Structure formats: structure tokens, C-alpha cells
Amino acid sequence: MSEKKRELPIRMLHDRILVEPDQAAGERKSAAGIVIPATAAVGKRLAWGAVVAAGPHVRQVALGDLVLFDPDERAEVELEGTTLTLLRERDVHAVQEPVESESTGLYL
């Protein structure tokens, strides 16, 4: 998602949110450096995405937040050439907290 605020040609209703899924979620690497293709069979895997629009009754999520959701419980919509995911606020499992510093807080 770009840093500038996008004006979308729709108005969200109720508790619905529109999310731009993370495109890097397909192929990933293991801790040992082995590339795992997106088609590999794994257990249920949640996905991250950035909120691009929210309805008036959304309370816990704001525009630009990164949210964790189940990609199996979603509807997709294409707007302005971009595939976006439509969710209810209750379908969001977590919101990423901002990182204040790179320090882990551990002193050895």
C-alpha cells in the first residue's frame, strides 16, 4: 500500500473493513533458509493486510493498521485494478502494535 491516503470509489457500511493483503505472504523462507512455495500444504495459516477503508461502526481498527485475519473467511473485491479483501471487524484476529525501537530490552 502506498503511504498517501487513497480515495476509494465506495463508502464502507456498518462494521466492514477493506484490507489490502500482504503480497509477500505467498512464498516464504524457513529459519534455515529453505524456500517454501505458496502451494506447499501447511496447516491453517493466517494472513496480514493493511486496512484501506473502514465502516462507521468499526471501533478497534484504523486506516493504515496492519491486521491479522483468516484468508479462508473473506470475500475479495477488485477496485481500481487492486484486489482487496472485505472483512467484518470481528473477523480480525489481531492488530499490529507500532514498534517503538529496535531494542529487545535485554541486557546481557
C-alpha atoms as a PDB file:
ATOM      1  CA  MET A   1       0.000   0.000   0.000  1.00  0.00           C
ATOM      2  CA  SER A   2       1.283   3.461  -0.772  1.00  0.00           C
ATOM      3  CA  GLU A   3       1.909   5.941   2.022  1.00  0.00           C
ATOM      4  CA  LYS A   4      -0.529   8.516   0.649  1.00  0.00           C
ATOM      5  CA  LYS A   5      -4.194   8.311   1.599  1.00  0.00           C
ATOM      6  CA  ARG A   6      -6.240   6.722  -1.185  1.00  0.00           C
ATOM      7  CA  GLU A   7      -9.732   7.879  -2.044  1.00  0.00           C
ATOM      8  CA  LEU A   8     -11.782   4.815  -2.921  1.00  0.00           C
ATOM      9  CA  PRO A   9     -14.951   4.979  -5.042  1.00  0.00           C
ATOM     10  CA  ILE A  10     -17.021   3.287  -2.308  1.00  0.00           C
ATOM     11  CA  ARG A  11     -18.323   4.045   1.184  1.00  0.00           C
ATOM     12  CA  MET A  12     -17.978   1.248   3.730  1.00  0.00           C
ATOM     13  CA  LEU A  13     -21.020   0.364   5.844  1.00  0.00           C
ATOM     14  CA  HIS A  14     -21.509  -0.912   9.390  1.00  0.00           C
ATOM     15  CA  ASP A  15     -18.548  -2.895  10.805  1.00  0.00           C
ATOM     16  CA  ARG A  16     -16.936  -3.769   7.474  1.00  0.00           C
ATOM     17  CA  ILE A  17     -13.277  -3.157   6.699  1.00  0.00           C
ATOM     18  CA  LEU A  18     -11.407  -3.336   3.416  1.00  0.00           C
ATOM     19  CA  VAL A  19      -7.890  -4.789   3.583  1.00  0.00           C
ATOM     20  CA  GLU A  20      -5.058  -4.846   1.061  1.00  0.00           C
ATOM     21  CA  PRO A  21      -3.443  -8.275   1.656  1.00  0.00           C
ATOM     22  CA  ASP A  22       0.317  -8.528   2.053  1.00  0.00           C
ATOM     23  CA  GLN A  23       1.671  -9.705  -1.308  1.00  0.00           C
ATOM     24  CA  ALA A  24       4.773 -11.238   0.318  1.00  0.00           C
ATOM     25  CA  ALA A  25       2.603 -13.811   2.095  1.00  0.00           C
ATOM     26  CA  GLY A  26       2.888 -16.306  -0.770  1.00  0.00           C
ATOM     27  CA  GLU A  27       6.418 -17.664  -0.846  1.00  0.00           C
ATOM     28  CA  ARG A  28       8.371 -17.669   2.421  1.00  0.00           C
ATOM     29  CA  LYS A  29      11.662 -18.893   3.891  1.00  0.00           C
ATOM     30  CA  SER A  30      12.265 -21.192   6.824  1.00  0.00           C
ATOM     31  CA  ALA A  31      14.725 -20.258   9.571  1.00  0.00           C
ATOM     32  CA  ALA A  32      17.316 -22.451   7.816  1.00  0.00           C
ATOM     33  CA  GLY A  33      16.893 -20.537   4.549  1.00  0.00           C
ATOM     34  CA  ILE A  34      14.805 -23.126   2.689  1.00  0.00           C
ATOM     35  CA  VAL A  35      12.282 -21.522   0.319  1.00  0.00           C
ATOM     36  CA  ILE A  36       8.731 -22.769   0.947  1.00  0.00           C
ATOM     37  CA  PRO A  37       6.446 -22.198  -2.076  1.00  0.00           C
ATOM     38  CA  ALA A  38       2.965 -20.729  -1.631  1.00  0.00           C
ATOM     39  CA  THR A  39       1.458 -24.001  -2.897  1.00  0.00           C
ATOM     40  CA  ALA A  40       3.005 -26.088  -0.076  1.00  0.00           C
ATOM     41  CA  ALA A  41       0.420 -27.805   2.093  1.00  0.00           C
ATOM     42  CA  VAL A  42       0.540 -26.439   5.625  1.00  0.00           C
ATOM     43  CA  GLY A  43      -1.920 -26.143   8.465  1.00  0.00           C
ATOM     44  CA  LYS A  44      -4.274 -23.223   8.745  1.00  0.00           C
ATOM     45  CA  ARG A  45      -2.232 -20.062   8.144  1.00  0.00           C
ATOM     46  CA  LEU A  46      -3.391 -16.525   8.911  1.00  0.00           C
ATOM     47  CA  ALA A  47      -2.529 -13.563   6.665  1.00  0.00           C
ATOM     48  CA  TRP A  48      -1.529  -9.917   7.244  1.00  0.00           C
ATOM     49  CA  GLY A  49      -3.018  -6.949   5.431  1.00  0.00           C
ATOM     50  CA  ALA A  50      -3.262  -3.158   5.616  1.00  0.00           C
ATOM     51  CA  VAL A  51      -6.630  -1.507   6.282  1.00  0.00           C
ATOM     52  CA  VAL A  52      -7.558   0.850   3.397  1.00  0.00           C
ATOM     53  CA  ALA A  53     -11.196   1.592   4.340  1.00  0.00           C
ATOM     54  CA  ALA A  54     -13.440   1.126   7.380  1.00  0.00           C
ATOM     55  CA  GLY A  55     -17.148   1.490   8.089  1.00  0.00           C
ATOM     56  CA  PRO A  56     -18.592   3.919  10.651  1.00  0.00           C
ATOM     57  CA  HIS A  57     -19.133   1.254  13.342  1.00  0.00           C
ATOM     58  CA  VAL A  58     -15.546  -0.051  13.353  1.00  0.00           C
ATOM     59  CA  ARG A  59     -14.044   0.579  16.815  1.00  0.00           C
ATOM     60  CA  GLN A  60     -10.723  -1.263  17.150  1.00  0.00           C
ATOM     61  CA  VAL A  61      -9.102  -0.758  13.737  1.00  0.00           C
ATOM     62  CA  ALA A  62      -7.934   2.420  11.986  1.00  0.00           C
ATOM     63  CA  LEU A  63      -6.880   3.189   8.422  1.00  0.00           C
ATOM     64  CA  GLY A  64      -3.326   2.037   7.766  1.00  0.00           C
ATOM     65  CA  ASP A  65      -3.298  -0.573  10.564  1.00  0.00           C
ATOM     66  CA  LEU A  66      -1.791  -3.984   9.797  1.00  0.00           C
ATOM     67  CA  VAL A  67      -4.301  -6.665  10.762  1.00  0.00           C
ATOM     68  CA  LEU A  68      -4.147 -10.445  11.040  1.00  0.00           C
ATOM     69  CA  PHE A  69      -7.062 -12.361   9.505  1.00  0.00           C
ATOM     70  CA  ASP A  70      -8.037 -15.819   8.256  1.00  0.00           C
ATOM     71  CA  PRO A  71      -7.799 -15.817   4.441  1.00  0.00           C
ATOM     72  CA  ASP A  72     -10.435 -18.580   4.255  1.00  0.00           C
ATOM     73  CA  GLU A  73     -13.125 -16.361   5.866  1.00  0.00           C
ATOM     74  CA  ARG A  74     -13.126 -13.489   3.407  1.00  0.00           C
ATOM     75  CA  ALA A  75     -14.612 -12.017   0.266  1.00  0.00           C
ATOM     76  CA  GLU A  76     -12.469 -10.433  -2.426  1.00  0.00           C
ATOM     77  CA  VAL A  77     -13.303  -7.357  -4.461  1.00  0.00           C
ATOM     78  CA  GLU A  78     -11.347  -5.627  -7.209  1.00  0.00           C
ATOM     79  CA  LEU A  79     -11.220  -1.821  -7.088  1.00  0.00           C
ATOM     80  CA  GLU A  80      -9.132   0.313  -9.392  1.00  0.00           C
ATOM     81  CA  GLY A  81      -7.142  -2.731 -10.547  1.00  0.00           C
ATOM     82  CA  THR A  82      -6.254  -3.849  -6.995  1.00  0.00           C
ATOM     83  CA  THR A  83      -7.640  -6.982  -5.349  1.00  0.00           C
ATOM     84  CA  LEU A  84      -8.827  -6.145  -1.836  1.00  0.00           C
ATOM     85  CA  THR A  85     -10.297  -8.284   0.944  1.00  0.00           C
ATOM     86  CA  LEU A  86     -13.627  -7.458   2.605  1.00  0.00           C
ATOM     87  CA  LEU A  87     -13.960  -8.452   6.275  1.00  0.00           C
ATOM     88  CA  ARG A  88     -16.144  -7.785   9.286  1.00  0.00           C
ATOM     89  CA  GLU A  89     -14.295  -6.270  12.213  1.00  0.00           C
ATOM     90  CA  ARG A  90     -14.995  -9.420  14.257  1.00  0.00           C
ATOM     91  CA  ASP A  91     -13.053 -11.484  11.657  1.00  0.00           C
ATOM     92  CA  VAL A  92      -9.822  -9.644  12.528  1.00  0.00           C
ATOM     93  CA  HIS A  93      -7.712 -11.668  14.965  1.00  0.00           C
ATOM     94  CA  ALA A  94      -5.072  -9.044  15.848  1.00  0.00           C
ATOM     95  CA  VAL A  95      -3.784  -5.549  15.080  1.00  0.00           C
ATOM     96  CA  GLN A  96      -0.032  -4.965  14.867  1.00  0.00           C
ATOM     97  CA  GLU A  97       1.275  -2.628  17.564  1.00  0.00           C
ATOM     98  CA  PRO A  98       3.774   0.032  16.491  1.00  0.00           C
ATOM     99  CA  VAL A  99       7.390  -0.795  17.278  1.00  0.00           C
ATOM    100  CA  GLU A 100       8.960   1.958  19.358  1.00  0.00           C
ATOM    101  CA  SER A 101      12.590   0.913  18.992  1.00  0.00           C
ATOM    102  CA  GLU A 102      14.796  -1.822  17.614  1.00  0.00           C
ATOM    103  CA  SER A 103      15.994  -2.753  21.117  1.00  0.00           C
ATOM    104  CA  THR A 104      14.764  -6.006  22.606  1.00  0.00           C
ATOM    105  CA  GLY A 105      15.117  -4.647  26.125  1.00  0.00           C
ATOM    106  CA  LEU A 106      17.514  -7.443  27.100  1.00  0.00           C
ATOM    107  CA  TYR A 107      20.875  -6.551  28.555  1.00  0.00           C
ATOM    108  CA  LEU A 108      23.482  -9.292  28.560  1.00  0.00           C
END
